[in-house]
C-alpha atoms as a PDB file:
ATOM      1  CA  UNK A   1     136.465 132.140 124.091  1.00  0.00           C
ATOM      2  CA  UNK A   2     133.838 131.620 121.359  1.00  0.00           C
ATOM      3  CA  UNK A   3     136.313 129.936 119.008  1.00  0.00           C
ATOM      4  CA  UNK A   4     137.448 127.557 121.743  1.00  0.00           C
ATOM      5  CA  UNK A   5     133.862 126.446 122.365  1.00  0.00           C
ATOM      6  CA  UNK A   6     133.114 125.642 118.706  1.00  0.00           C
ATOM      7  CA  UNK A   7     134.927 122.257 118.623  1.00  0.00           C
ATOM      8  CA  UNK A   8     133.308 121.278 121.931  1.00  0.00           C
ATOM      9  CA  UNK A   9     129.844 122.119 120.584  1.00  0.00           C
ATOM     10  CA  UNK A  10     130.528 120.154 117.418  1.00  0.00           C
ATOM     11  CA  UNK A  11     131.658 117.176 119.496  1.00  0.00           C
ATOM     12  CA  UNK A  12     128.464 117.328 121.565  1.00  0.00           C
ATOM     13  CA  UNK A  13     126.329 117.552 118.410  1.00  0.00           C
ATOM     14  CA  UNK A  14     128.194 114.617 116.905  1.00  0.00           C
ATOM     15  CA  UNK A  15     127.720 112.584 120.095  1.00  0.00           C
ATOM     16  CA  UNK A  16     124.005 113.375 120.162  1.00  0.00           C
ATOM     17  CA  UNK A  17     123.498 112.495 116.505  1.00  0.00           C
ATOM     18  CA  UNK A  18     125.440 109.274 117.036  1.00  0.00           C
ATOM     19  CA  UNK A  19     123.169 108.409 119.982  1.00  0.00           C
ATOM     20  CA  UNK A  20     120.056 109.168 117.916  1.00  0.00           C
ATOM     21  CA  UNK A  21     121.230 106.796 115.200  1.00  0.00           C
ATOM     22  CA  UNK A  22     121.817 104.076 117.797  1.00  0.00           C
ATOM     23  CA  UNK A  23     118.327 104.583 119.176  1.00  0.00           C
ATOM     24  CA  UNK A  24     116.909 104.368 115.641  1.00  0.00           C
ATOM     25  CA  UNK A  25     118.669 101.020 115.153  1.00  0.00           C
ATOM     26  CA  UNK A  26     117.220  99.849 118.479  1.00  0.00           C
ATOM     27  CA  UNK A  27     113.791 100.990 117.303  1.00  0.00           C
ATOM     28  CA  UNK A  28     114.092  99.009 114.073  1.00  0.00           C
ATOM     29  CA  UNK A  29     115.218  95.852 115.886  1.00  0.00           C
ATOM     30  CA  UNK A  30     112.421  96.241 118.443  1.00  0.00           C
ATOM     31  CA  UNK A  31     109.890  96.710 115.636  1.00  0.00           C
ATOM     32  CA  UNK A  32     110.921  93.338 114.198  1.00  0.00           C
ATOM     33  CA  UNK A  33     110.096  91.643 117.499  1.00  0.00           C
ATOM     34  CA  UNK A  34     106.830  93.552 117.901  1.00  0.00           C
ATOM     35  CA  UNK A  35     105.764  92.642 114.352  1.00  0.00           C
ATOM     36  CA  UNK A  36     106.894  89.024 114.598  1.00  0.00           C
ATOM     37  CA  UNK A  37     103.325  87.610 114.534  1.00  0.00           C
ATOM     38  CA  UNK A  38     102.635  89.588 111.339  1.00  0.00           C
ATOM     39  CA  UNK A  39     105.909  88.429 109.833  1.00  0.00           C
ATOM     40  CA  UNK A  40     105.175  84.813 110.714  1.00  0.00           C
ATOM     41  CA  UNK A  41     101.770  84.903 108.966  1.00  0.00           C
ATOM     42  CA  UNK A  42     102.813  87.168 106.109  1.00  0.00           C
ATOM     43  CA  UNK A  43     103.024  84.355 103.524  1.00  0.00           C
ATOM     44  CA  UNK A  44      99.520  83.135 104.394  1.00  0.00           C
ATOM     45  CA  UNK A  45      97.978  86.526 103.592  1.00  0.00           C
ATOM     46  CA  UNK A  46      98.360  85.879  99.824  1.00  0.00           C
ATOM     47  CA  UNK A  47      95.742  83.169  99.868  1.00  0.00           C
ATOM     48  CA  UNK A  48      93.410  85.274 101.999  1.00  0.00           C
ATOM     49  CA  UNK A  49      93.721  88.543 100.051  1.00  0.00           C
ATOM     50  CA  UNK A  50      94.447  87.306  96.575  1.00  0.00           C
ATOM     51  CA  UNK A  51      97.062  88.619  94.161  1.00  0.00           C
ATOM     52  CA  UNK A  52      95.371  91.949  93.544  1.00  0.00           C
ATOM     53  CA  UNK A  53      95.356  93.103  97.162  1.00  0.00           C
ATOM     54  CA  UNK A  54      98.597  91.334  98.087  1.00  0.00           C
ATOM     55  CA  UNK A  55     100.799  94.004  96.478  1.00  0.00           C
ATOM     56  CA  UNK A  56      98.992  96.748  98.416  1.00  0.00           C
ATOM     57  CA  UNK A  57      99.309  94.698 101.576  1.00  0.00           C
ATOM     58  CA  UNK A  58     103.069  94.311 100.990  1.00  0.00           C
ATOM     59  CA  UNK A  59     103.411  98.088 100.627  1.00  0.00           C
ATOM     60  CA  UNK A  60     101.425  98.647 103.828  1.00  0.00           C
ATOM     61  CA  UNK A  61     103.489  96.013 105.655  1.00  0.00           C
ATOM     62  CA  UNK A  62     106.662  97.932 104.823  1.00  0.00           C
ATOM     63  CA  UNK A  63     104.964 101.160 105.934  1.00  0.00           C
ATOM     64  CA  UNK A  64     103.910  99.499 109.211  1.00  0.00           C
ATOM     65  CA  UNK A  65     107.481  98.405 109.940  1.00  0.00           C
ATOM     66  CA  UNK A  66     108.829 101.914 109.295  1.00  0.00           C
ATOM     67  CA  UNK A  67     106.047 103.476 111.357  1.00  0.00           C
ATOM     68  CA  UNK A  68     106.592 101.145 114.318  1.00  0.00           C
ATOM     69  CA  UNK A  69     110.359 101.722 114.146  1.00  0.00           C
ATOM     70  CA  UNK A  70     109.908 105.510 114.178  1.00  0.00           C
ATOM     71  CA  UNK A  71     107.291 105.382 116.949  1.00  0.00           C
ATOM     72  CA  UNK A  72     109.560 103.262 119.165  1.00  0.00           C
ATOM     73  CA  UNK A  73     112.442 105.652 118.361  1.00  0.00           C
ATOM     74  CA  UNK A  74     110.315 108.668 119.393  1.00  0.00           C
ATOM     75  CA  UNK A  75     109.270 106.949 122.621  1.00  0.00           C
ATOM     76  CA  UNK A  76     112.868 105.999 123.466  1.00  0.00           C
ATOM     77  CA  UNK A  77     114.221 109.478 122.734  1.00  0.00           C
ATOM     78  CA  UNK A  78     111.486 111.032 124.852  1.00  0.00           C
ATOM     79  CA  UNK A  79     112.038 108.647 127.766  1.00  0.00           C
ATOM     80  CA  UNK A  80     115.832 108.637 127.680  1.00  0.00           C
ATOM     81  CA  UNK A  81     116.578 112.273 126.882  1.00  0.00           C
ATOM     82  CA  UNK A  82     113.533 114.440 127.534  1.00  0.00           C
ATOM     83  CA  UNK A  83     111.570 112.959 130.415  1.00  0.00           C
ATOM     84  CA  UNK A  84     113.566 113.266 133.679  1.00  0.00           C
ATOM     85  CA  UNK A  85     110.910 112.345 136.229  1.00  0.00           C
ATOM     86  CA  UNK A  86     111.917 109.782 138.883  1.00  0.00           C
ATOM     87  CA  UNK A  87     108.331 108.557 139.229  1.00  0.00           C
ATOM     88  CA  UNK A  88     107.416 105.474 137.195  1.00  0.00           C
ATOM     89  CA  UNK A  89     103.672 106.214 137.235  1.00  0.00           C
ATOM     90  CA  UNK A  90     104.149 109.700 135.821  1.00  0.00           C
ATOM     91  CA  UNK A  91     106.518 108.353 133.157  1.00  0.00           C
ATOM     92  CA  UNK A  92     104.044 105.671 132.097  1.00  0.00           C
ATOM     93  CA  UNK A  93     101.212 108.216 131.872  1.00  0.00           C
ATOM     94  CA  UNK A  94     103.212 110.514 129.572  1.00  0.00           C
ATOM     95  CA  UNK A  95     104.386 107.565 127.491  1.00  0.00           C
ATOM     96  CA  UNK A  96     100.821 106.262 127.239  1.00  0.00           C
ATOM     97  CA  UNK A  97      99.543 109.543 125.789  1.00  0.00           C
ATOM     98  CA  UNK A  98     102.280 109.579 123.134  1.00  0.00           C
ATOM     99  CA  UNK A  99     101.579 105.926 122.300  1.00  0.00           C
ATOM    100  CA  UNK A 100      97.833 106.611 122.124  1.00  0.00           C
ATOM    101  CA  UNK A 101      98.454 109.529 119.765  1.00  0.00           C
ATOM    102  CA  UNK A 102     100.629 107.266 117.650  1.00  0.00           C
ATOM    103  CA  UNK A 103      97.843 104.660 117.611  1.00  0.00           C
ATOM    104  CA  UNK A 104      95.284 107.217 116.405  1.00  0.00           C
ATOM    105  CA  UNK A 105      97.597 108.350 113.603  1.00  0.00           C
ATOM    106  CA  UNK A 106      98.160 104.712 112.673  1.00  0.00           C
ATOM    107  CA  UNK A 107      94.384 104.167 112.456  1.00  0.00           C
ATOM    108  CA  UNK A 108      94.140 106.914 109.823  1.00  0.00           C
ATOM    109  CA  UNK A 109      96.890 105.386 107.705  1.00  0.00           C
ATOM    110  CA  UNK A 110      95.446 101.913 108.194  1.00  0.00           C
ATOM    111  CA  UNK A 111      92.037 102.985 106.929  1.00  0.00           C
ATOM    112  CA  UNK A 112      93.566 104.760 103.945  1.00  0.00           C
ATOM    113  CA  UNK A 113      96.270 102.268 102.948  1.00  0.00           C
ATOM    114  CA  UNK A 114      95.547  98.818 104.354  1.00  0.00           C
ATOM    115  CA  UNK A 115      93.675  96.417 102.063  1.00  0.00           C
ATOM    116  CA  UNK A 116      92.109  94.756 105.080  1.00  0.00           C
ATOM    117  CA  UNK A 117      90.638  96.215 108.296  1.00  0.00           C
ATOM    118  CA  UNK A 118      92.985  95.609 111.209  1.00  0.00           C
ATOM    119  CA  UNK A 119      93.113  98.748 113.305  1.00  0.00           C
ATOM    120  CA  UNK A 120      90.651  97.381 115.840  1.00  0.00           C
ATOM    121  CA  UNK A 121      92.275  93.929 116.181  1.00  0.00           C
ATOM    122  CA  UNK A 122      93.439  92.670 119.555  1.00  0.00           C
ATOM    123  CA  UNK A 123      96.905  91.887 118.143  1.00  0.00           C
ATOM    124  CA  UNK A 124      97.424  95.500 117.091  1.00  0.00           C
ATOM    125  CA  UNK A 125      96.331  96.797 120.478  1.00  0.00           C
ATOM    126  CA  UNK A 126      98.690  94.342 122.141  1.00  0.00           C
ATOM    127  CA  UNK A 127     101.567  95.513 119.907  1.00  0.00           C
ATOM    128  CA  UNK A 128     101.029  99.154 120.893  1.00  0.00           C
ATOM    129  CA  UNK A 129     100.758  98.089 124.525  1.00  0.00           C
ATOM    130  CA  UNK A 130     104.116  96.294 124.242  1.00  0.00           C
ATOM    131  CA  UNK A 131     105.731  99.399 122.755  1.00  0.00           C
ATOM    132  CA  UNK A 132     104.253 101.556 125.501  1.00  0.00           C
ATOM    133  CA  UNK A 133     105.425  99.304 128.355  1.00  0.00           C
ATOM    134  CA  UNK A 134     108.824  98.555 126.791  1.00  0.00           C
ATOM    135  CA  UNK A 135     109.803 102.203 126.199  1.00  0.00           C
ATOM    136  CA  UNK A 136     108.423 103.385 129.546  1.00  0.00           C
ATOM    137  CA  UNK A 137     110.312 100.756 131.536  1.00  0.00           C
ATOM    138  CA  UNK A 138     113.512 101.263 129.543  1.00  0.00           C
ATOM    139  CA  UNK A 139     113.325 104.991 130.290  1.00  0.00           C
ATOM    140  CA  UNK A 140     112.752 104.371 134.003  1.00  0.00           C
ATOM    141  CA  UNK A 141     115.613 101.860 134.274  1.00  0.00           C
ATOM    142  CA  UNK A 142     117.914 104.240 132.414  1.00  0.00           C
ATOM    143  CA  UNK A 143     116.937 107.071 134.769  1.00  0.00           C
ATOM    144  CA  UNK A 144     117.683 104.881 137.793  1.00  0.00           C
ATOM    145  CA  UNK A 145     121.062 103.955 136.301  1.00  0.00           C
ATOM    146  CA  UNK A 146     121.914 107.607 135.619  1.00  0.00           C
ATOM    147  CA  UNK A 147     120.873 108.601 139.120  1.00  0.00           C
ATOM    148  CA  UNK A 148     122.976 105.820 140.646  1.00  0.00           C
ATOM    149  CA  UNK A 149     125.942 106.790 138.491  1.00  0.00           C
ATOM    150  CA  UNK A 150     125.535 110.445 139.465  1.00  0.00           C
ATOM    151  CA  UNK A 151     125.426 109.523 143.155  1.00  0.00           C
ATOM    152  CA  UNK A 152     128.545 107.373 142.801  1.00  0.00           C
ATOM    153  CA  UNK A 153     130.378 110.227 141.104  1.00  0.00           C
ATOM    154  CA  UNK A 154     129.229 112.605 143.832  1.00  0.00           C
ATOM    155  CA  UNK A 155     130.427 110.191 146.517  1.00  0.00           C
ATOM    156  CA  UNK A 156     133.812 109.844 144.786  1.00  0.00           C
ATOM    157  CA  UNK A 157     134.092 113.635 144.515  1.00  0.00           C
ATOM    158  CA  UNK A 158     133.268 114.074 148.187  1.00  0.00           C
ATOM    159  CA  UNK A 159     135.757 111.344 149.111  1.00  0.00           C
ATOM    160  CA  UNK A 160     138.452 113.067 147.086  1.00  0.00           C
ATOM    161  CA  UNK A 161     137.688 116.454 148.637  1.00  0.00           C
ATOM    162  CA  UNK A 162     137.613 114.890 152.089  1.00  0.00           C
ATOM    163  CA  UNK A 163     140.972 113.189 151.576  1.00  0.00           C
ATOM    164  CA  UNK A 164     142.428 116.396 150.160  1.00  0.00           C
ATOM    165  CA  UNK A 165     141.209 118.489 153.083  1.00  0.00           C
ATOM    166  CA  UNK A 166     142.428 115.889 155.585  1.00  0.00           C
ATOM    167  CA  UNK A 167     145.828 115.801 153.947  1.00  0.00           C
ATOM    168  CA  UNK A 168     146.133 119.592 153.942  1.00  0.00           C
ATOM    169  CA  UNK A 169     145.145 119.674 157.612  1.00  0.00           C
ATOM    170  CA  UNK A 170     147.718 117.006 158.433  1.00  0.00           C
ATOM    171  CA  UNK A 171     150.443 118.727 156.432  1.00  0.00           C
ATOM    172  CA  UNK A 172     149.697 122.046 158.108  1.00  0.00           C
ATOM    173  CA  UNK A 173     150.362 120.470 161.504  1.00  0.00           C
ATOM    174  CA  UNK A 174     154.015 120.131 160.582  1.00  0.00           C
ATOM    175  CA  UNK A 175     154.945 123.730 159.966  1.00  0.00           C
ATOM    176  CA  UNK A 176     154.197 125.335 163.382  1.00  0.00           C
ATOM    177  CA  UNK A 177     155.912 122.525 165.281  1.00  0.00           C
ATOM    178  CA  UNK A 178     158.992 122.691 163.060  1.00  0.00           C
ATOM    179  CA  UNK A 179     159.057 126.493 163.105  1.00  0.00           C
ATOM    180  CA  UNK A 180     159.328 126.771 166.886  1.00  0.00           C
ATOM    181  CA  UNK A 181     161.985 124.054 167.080  1.00  0.00           C
ATOM    182  CA  UNK A 182     164.023 125.862 164.433  1.00  0.00           C
ATOM    183  CA  UNK A 183     163.787 129.144 166.318  1.00  0.00           C
ATOM    184  CA  UNK A 184     164.996 127.402 169.465  1.00  0.00           C
ATOM    185  CA  UNK A 185     167.981 126.123 167.510  1.00  0.00           C
ATOM    186  CA  UNK A 186     168.722 129.604 166.225  1.00  0.00           C
ATOM    187  CA  UNK A 187     168.546 131.006 169.764  1.00  0.00           C
ATOM    188  CA  UNK A 188     171.003 128.330 170.859  1.00  0.00           C
ATOM    189  CA  UNK A 189     173.478 129.300 168.129  1.00  0.00           C
ATOM    190  CA  UNK A 190     173.157 133.017 168.884  1.00  0.00           C
ATOM    191  CA  UNK A 191     173.904 132.414 172.563  1.00  0.00           C
ATOM    192  CA  UNK A 192     177.214 130.841 171.573  1.00  0.00           C
ATOM    193  CA  UNK A 193     178.088 134.184 169.913  1.00  0.00           C
ATOM    194  CA  UNK A 194     179.415 132.554 166.757  1.00  0.00           C
ATOM    195  CA  UNK A 195     178.431 134.980 164.031  1.00  0.00           C
ATOM    196  CA  UNK A 196     179.492 132.805 161.077  1.00  0.00           C
ATOM    197  CA  UNK A 197     177.572 129.803 162.341  1.00  0.00           C
ATOM    198  CA  UNK A 198     174.542 131.986 163.025  1.00  0.00           C
ATOM    199  CA  UNK A 199     174.572 133.378 159.470  1.00  0.00           C
ATOM    200  CA  UNK A 200     175.043 129.955 157.934  1.00  0.00           C
ATOM    201  CA  UNK A 201     172.314 128.596 160.183  1.00  0.00           C
ATOM    202  CA  UNK A 202     169.931 131.292 158.944  1.00  0.00           C
ATOM    203  CA  UNK A 203     170.848 130.498 155.312  1.00  0.00           C
ATOM    204  CA  UNK A 204     170.187 126.817 155.798  1.00  0.00           C
ATOM    205  CA  UNK A 205     166.992 127.615 157.655  1.00  0.00           C
ATOM    206  CA  UNK A 206     165.837 129.684 154.677  1.00  0.00           C
ATOM    207  CA  UNK A 207     166.623 126.745 152.345  1.00  0.00           C
ATOM    208  CA  UNK A 208     164.583 124.444 154.560  1.00  0.00           C
ATOM    209  CA  UNK A 209     161.612 126.807 154.676  1.00  0.00           C
ATOM    210  CA  UNK A 210     161.818 127.377 150.927  1.00  0.00           C
ATOM    211  CA  UNK A 211     161.410 123.635 150.442  1.00  0.00           C
ATOM    212  CA  UNK A 212     158.482 123.565 152.861  1.00  0.00           C
ATOM    213  CA  UNK A 213     156.751 126.494 151.138  1.00  0.00           C
ATOM    214  CA  UNK A 214     157.259 125.025 147.670  1.00  0.00           C
ATOM    215  CA  UNK A 215     156.118 121.570 148.754  1.00  0.00           C
ATOM    216  CA  UNK A 216     153.283 122.633 151.016  1.00  0.00           C
ATOM    217  CA  UNK A 217     150.551 121.562 148.604  1.00  0.00           C
ATOM    218  CA  UNK A 218     152.352 118.689 146.955  1.00  0.00           C
ATOM    219  CA  UNK A 219     151.452 115.093 147.609  1.00  0.00           C
ATOM    220  CA  UNK A 220     154.275 112.763 146.618  1.00  0.00           C
ATOM    221  CA  UNK A 221     157.814 113.981 145.939  1.00  0.00           C
ATOM    222  CA  UNK A 222     161.011 112.315 144.824  1.00  0.00           C
ATOM    223  CA  UNK A 223     163.163 110.727 147.478  1.00  0.00           C
ATOM    224  CA  UNK A 224     166.012 112.808 146.068  1.00  0.00           C
ATOM    225  CA  UNK A 225     164.178 115.997 147.030  1.00  0.00           C
ATOM    226  CA  UNK A 226     163.585 114.756 150.558  1.00  0.00           C
ATOM    227  CA  UNK A 227     167.259 113.865 150.964  1.00  0.00           C
ATOM    228  CA  UNK A 228     168.317 117.308 149.750  1.00  0.00           C
ATOM    229  CA  UNK A 229     166.034 118.752 152.384  1.00  0.00           C
ATOM    230  CA  UNK A 230     167.675 116.540 155.024  1.00  0.00           C
ATOM    231  CA  UNK A 231     171.138 117.750 153.990  1.00  0.00           C
ATOM    232  CA  UNK A 232     170.055 121.361 154.505  1.00  0.00           C
ATOM    233  CA  UNK A 233     168.469 120.422 157.809  1.00  0.00           C
ATOM    234  CA  UNK A 234     171.558 118.408 158.745  1.00  0.00           C
ATOM    235  CA  UNK A 235     173.745 121.488 159.014  1.00  0.00           C
ATOM    236  CA  UNK A 236     171.310 123.144 161.385  1.00  0.00           C
ATOM    237  CA  UNK A 237     171.300 120.082 163.646  1.00  0.00           C
ATOM    238  CA  UNK A 238     175.089 119.690 163.588  1.00  0.00           C
ATOM    239  CA  UNK A 239     175.582 123.344 164.496  1.00  0.00           C
ATOM    240  CA  UNK A 240     172.962 123.189 167.193  1.00  0.00           C
ATOM    241  CA  UNK A 241     174.445 120.055 168.792  1.00  0.00           C
ATOM    242  CA  UNK A 242     178.104 120.806 168.080  1.00  0.00           C
ATOM    243  CA  UNK A 243     178.493 117.855 165.664  1.00  0.00           C
ATOM    244  CA  UNK A 244     177.156 115.417 168.230  1.00  0.00           C
ATOM    245  CA  UNK A 245     174.235 114.701 165.881  1.00  0.00           C
ATOM    246  CA  UNK A 246     175.253 113.426 162.437  1.00  0.00           C
ATOM    247  CA  UNK A 247     173.475 111.771 159.541  1.00  0.00           C
ATOM    248  CA  UNK A 248     174.683 108.784 157.548  1.00  0.00           C
ATOM    249  CA  UNK A 249     172.825 108.763 154.207  1.00  0.00           C
ATOM    250  CA  UNK A 250     173.391 105.772 151.961  1.00  0.00           C
ATOM    251  CA  UNK A 251     170.937 105.796 149.054  1.00  0.00           C
ATOM    252  CA  UNK A 252     171.820 104.867 145.476  1.00  0.00           C
ATOM    253  CA  UNK A 253     170.940 107.160 142.583  1.00  0.00           C
ATOM    254  CA  UNK A 254     168.511 104.550 141.263  1.00  0.00           C
ATOM    255  CA  UNK A 255     166.471 104.648 144.466  1.00  0.00           C
ATOM    256  CA  UNK A 256     166.331 108.430 144.499  1.00  0.00           C
ATOM    257  CA  UNK A 257     163.685 108.319 141.750  1.00  0.00           C
ATOM    258  CA  UNK A 258     161.217 106.618 144.111  1.00  0.00           C
ATOM    259  CA  UNK A 259     158.510 108.709 145.746  1.00  0.00           C
ATOM    260  CA  UNK A 260     157.064 109.296 149.196  1.00  0.00           C
ATOM    261  CA  UNK A 261     154.833 111.916 150.852  1.00  0.00           C
ATOM    262  CA  UNK A 262     156.410 115.335 151.136  1.00  0.00           C
ATOM    263  CA  UNK A 263     158.120 116.163 154.456  1.00  0.00           C
ATOM    264  CA  UNK A 264     158.174 112.528 155.580  1.00  0.00           C
ATOM    265  CA  UNK A 265     161.646 112.780 157.127  1.00  0.00           C
ATOM    266  CA  UNK A 266     161.093 115.967 159.107  1.00  0.00           C
ATOM    267  CA  UNK A 267     158.961 114.459 161.927  1.00  0.00           C
ATOM    268  CA  UNK A 268     161.377 111.515 162.234  1.00  0.00           C
ATOM    269  CA  UNK A 269     164.364 113.810 162.679  1.00  0.00           C
ATOM    270  CA  UNK A 270     162.441 115.930 165.145  1.00  0.00           C
ATOM    271  CA  UNK A 271     161.589 112.805 167.137  1.00  0.00           C
ATOM    272  CA  UNK A 272     165.275 111.933 167.377  1.00  0.00           C
ATOM    273  CA  UNK A 273     165.992 115.296 168.968  1.00  0.00           C
ATOM    274  CA  UNK A 274     162.864 115.330 171.102  1.00  0.00           C
ATOM    275  CA  UNK A 275     163.174 111.894 172.701  1.00  0.00           C
ATOM    276  CA  UNK A 276     166.935 111.383 173.043  1.00  0.00           C
ATOM    277  CA  UNK A 277     169.795 112.790 175.050  1.00  0.00           C
ATOM    278  CA  UNK A 278     172.429 114.189 172.708  1.00  0.00           C
ATOM    279  CA  UNK A 279     175.664 115.311 174.352  1.00  0.00           C
ATOM    280  CA  UNK A 280     179.366 114.479 174.539  1.00  0.00           C
ATOM    281  CA  UNK A 281     178.584 111.081 176.067  1.00  0.00           C
ATOM    282  CA  UNK A 282     175.724 110.294 173.720  1.00  0.00           C
ATOM    283  CA  UNK A 283     176.709 110.898 170.115  1.00  0.00           C
ATOM    284  CA  UNK A 284     173.721 110.436 167.862  1.00  0.00           C
ATOM    285  CA  UNK A 285     174.153 109.013 164.346  1.00  0.00           C
ATOM    286  CA  UNK A 286     170.989 108.712 162.255  1.00  0.00           C
ATOM    287  CA  UNK A 287     171.207 106.092 159.510  1.00  0.00           C
ATOM    288  CA  UNK A 288     169.126 106.644 156.372  1.00  0.00           C
ATOM    289  CA  UNK A 289     169.091 104.002 153.636  1.00  0.00           C
ATOM    290  CA  UNK A 290     166.822 101.931 151.373  1.00  0.00           C
ATOM    291  CA  UNK A 291     166.472  98.245 152.200  1.00  0.00           C
ATOM    292  CA  UNK A 292     165.843  95.312 149.858  1.00  0.00           C
ATOM    293  CA  UNK A 293     162.065  95.772 150.145  1.00  0.00           C
ATOM    294  CA  UNK A 294     162.320  99.302 148.777  1.00  0.00           C
ATOM    295  CA  UNK A 295     161.548 100.892 152.101  1.00  0.00           C
ATOM    296  CA  UNK A 296     163.312 103.988 153.314  1.00  0.00           C
ATOM    297  CA  UNK A 297     164.808 103.082 156.669  1.00  0.00           C
ATOM    298  CA  UNK A 298     165.480 105.770 159.275  1.00  0.00           C
ATOM    299  CA  UNK A 299     167.238 104.314 162.315  1.00  0.00           C
ATOM    300  CA  UNK A 300     168.897 105.816 165.348  1.00  0.00           C
ATOM    301  CA  UNK A 301     170.257 104.585 168.700  1.00  0.00           C
ATOM    302  CA  UNK A 302     168.110 105.136 171.767  1.00  0.00           C
ATOM    303  CA  UNK A 303     169.445 107.440 174.485  1.00  0.00           C
ATOM    304  CA  UNK A 304     166.369 108.149 176.613  1.00  0.00           C
ATOM    305  CA  UNK A 305     166.125 111.476 178.349  1.00  0.00           C
ATOM    306  CA  UNK A 306     165.987 111.486 182.141  1.00  0.00           C
ATOM    307  CA  UNK A 307     162.645 113.252 182.088  1.00  0.00           C
ATOM    308  CA  UNK A 308     160.083 112.271 179.451  1.00  0.00           C
ATOM    309  CA  UNK A 309     159.515 115.037 176.869  1.00  0.00           C
ATOM    310  CA  UNK A 310     156.251 116.938 176.754  1.00  0.00           C
ATOM    311  CA  UNK A 311     154.645 115.690 173.546  1.00  0.00           C
ATOM    312  CA  UNK A 312     151.191 114.699 172.383  1.00  0.00           C
ATOM    313  CA  UNK A 313     152.554 111.924 170.167  1.00  0.00           C
ATOM    314  CA  UNK A 314     151.065 113.292 166.944  1.00  0.00           C
ATOM    315  CA  UNK A 315     154.306 113.158 164.902  1.00  0.00           C
ATOM    316  CA  UNK A 316     154.295 109.489 163.914  1.00  0.00           C
ATOM    317  CA  UNK A 317     150.503 109.354 163.856  1.00  0.00           C
ATOM    318  CA  UNK A 318     150.434 112.288 161.471  1.00  0.00           C
ATOM    319  CA  UNK A 319     153.039 110.620 159.269  1.00  0.00           C
ATOM    320  CA  UNK A 320     151.109 107.332 159.279  1.00  0.00           C
ATOM    321  CA  UNK A 321     147.914 109.116 158.246  1.00  0.00           C
ATOM    322  CA  UNK A 322     149.626 110.863 155.340  1.00  0.00           C
ATOM    323  CA  UNK A 323     151.033 107.573 154.034  1.00  0.00           C
ATOM    324  CA  UNK A 324     147.567 106.009 154.228  1.00  0.00           C
ATOM    325  CA  UNK A 325     145.923 108.937 152.456  1.00  0.00           C
ATOM    326  CA  UNK A 326     148.488 109.337 149.674  1.00  0.00           C
ATOM    327  CA  UNK A 327     149.836 105.816 149.180  1.00  0.00           C
ATOM    328  CA  UNK A 328     147.338 103.513 150.897  1.00  0.00           C
ATOM    329  CA  UNK A 329     150.282 101.991 152.754  1.00  0.00           C
ATOM    330  CA  UNK A 330     151.335 101.821 156.388  1.00  0.00           C
ATOM    331  CA  UNK A 331     154.674 102.706 157.901  1.00  0.00           C
ATOM    332  CA  UNK A 332     156.425 100.229 160.198  1.00  0.00           C
ATOM    333  CA  UNK A 333     158.052 101.075 163.518  1.00  0.00           C
ATOM    334  CA  UNK A 334     160.491  98.855 165.401  1.00  0.00           C
ATOM    335  CA  UNK A 335     161.832  99.943 168.759  1.00  0.00           C
ATOM    336  CA  UNK A 336     163.624  98.464 171.719  1.00  0.00           C
ATOM    337  CA  UNK A 337     166.074  99.739 174.298  1.00  0.00           C
ATOM    338  CA  UNK A 338     168.872  99.878 171.730  1.00  0.00           C
ATOM    339  CA  UNK A 339     167.516 101.291 168.465  1.00  0.00           C
ATOM    340  CA  UNK A 340     164.451 103.057 167.121  1.00  0.00           C
ATOM    341  CA  UNK A 341     163.730 102.293 163.431  1.00  0.00           C
ATOM    342  CA  UNK A 342     161.019 103.502 161.098  1.00  0.00           C
ATOM    343  CA  UNK A 343     160.339 101.914 157.702  1.00  0.00           C
ATOM    344  CA  UNK A 344     158.720 104.163 155.108  1.00  0.00           C
ATOM    345  CA  UNK A 345     157.255 102.473 151.991  1.00  0.00           C
ATOM    346  CA  UNK A 346     158.307 104.006 148.691  1.00  0.00           C
ATOM    347  CA  UNK A 347     156.354 104.199 145.458  1.00  0.00           C
ATOM    348  CA  UNK A 348     157.772 103.764 141.981  1.00  0.00           C
ATOM    349  CA  UNK A 349     156.393 104.969 138.645  1.00  0.00           C
ATOM    350  CA  UNK A 350     155.078 101.459 137.946  1.00  0.00           C
ATOM    351  CA  UNK A 351     153.124 101.536 141.213  1.00  0.00           C
ATOM    352  CA  UNK A 352     151.417 104.779 140.149  1.00  0.00           C
ATOM    353  CA  UNK A 353     150.455 103.311 136.763  1.00  0.00           C
ATOM    354  CA  UNK A 354     149.006 100.252 138.515  1.00  0.00           C
ATOM    355  CA  UNK A 355     146.963 102.396 140.925  1.00  0.00           C
ATOM    356  CA  UNK A 356     145.540 104.469 138.087  1.00  0.00           C
END
């Protein structure tokens, strides 16, 4: 554990030192602007001071530039990394005291090193005032930016958790509904007293539930996996309805690499059974294929039951919500008195790269 943290600590130290160097560069550039009046009149000081004092003045000028650069650097580091207060007044007060201390230290050096008295000049006071205001405001703006960025990250995290919890809740609605329907199918097979069909039905049922358990927390899965699930589910339906319900699957191998939300086909197949009469006079064939728009099409003829089924209509709504949450796309439904067709959008690898 300790060894694994060493590279991370070194990276953090390197990042901090890199930031400190950047702030030092900013301090030096800012010092140039603060000292611009002195720089502009530097050549005129020779005539005023004379050659003897001009060399000392040049040395002090270099010292002043270094001092101002370091003072601005200290103020920036303090405001950007140490002082975390959200209140501008409090920040300016703390920055003022540091600037005032820096001014007092500068007075000492000015008296000792400068060939001319300048520590009481209005220009010098204005320069320290500029440094004080500049660093204080920069620190406050940076704090506001960090706070805004933190809030945006928190909002994104909450959105992600909300979407995840909504998806899990939606996915969990599938299992109980499917479980009871499957048990009803098993009861129907047992009543026919066909032991081989009952055993095979149980085997296929276990395959179907294995897929559900393994995919319960997955988002998008390959179309190939969904079709394999349908083939296992197909046997159960054909046994239950004595081959009066069949599936026609026509999907090329190329399209099987596309993705869609897990368990997208289950509610559609359940709807076929729930809303239609399936008997010797009404043979049901469910067509499953991919159209030219790369949509998975699930279509079946409409044989309405004499009495409307007891349903709360959450199947398609649940499916629509999962497509919106996971793919930001809507499903399409077309229905009339002849056929009921659902179009499920599919996502390719390129689509995922674009979204990211």
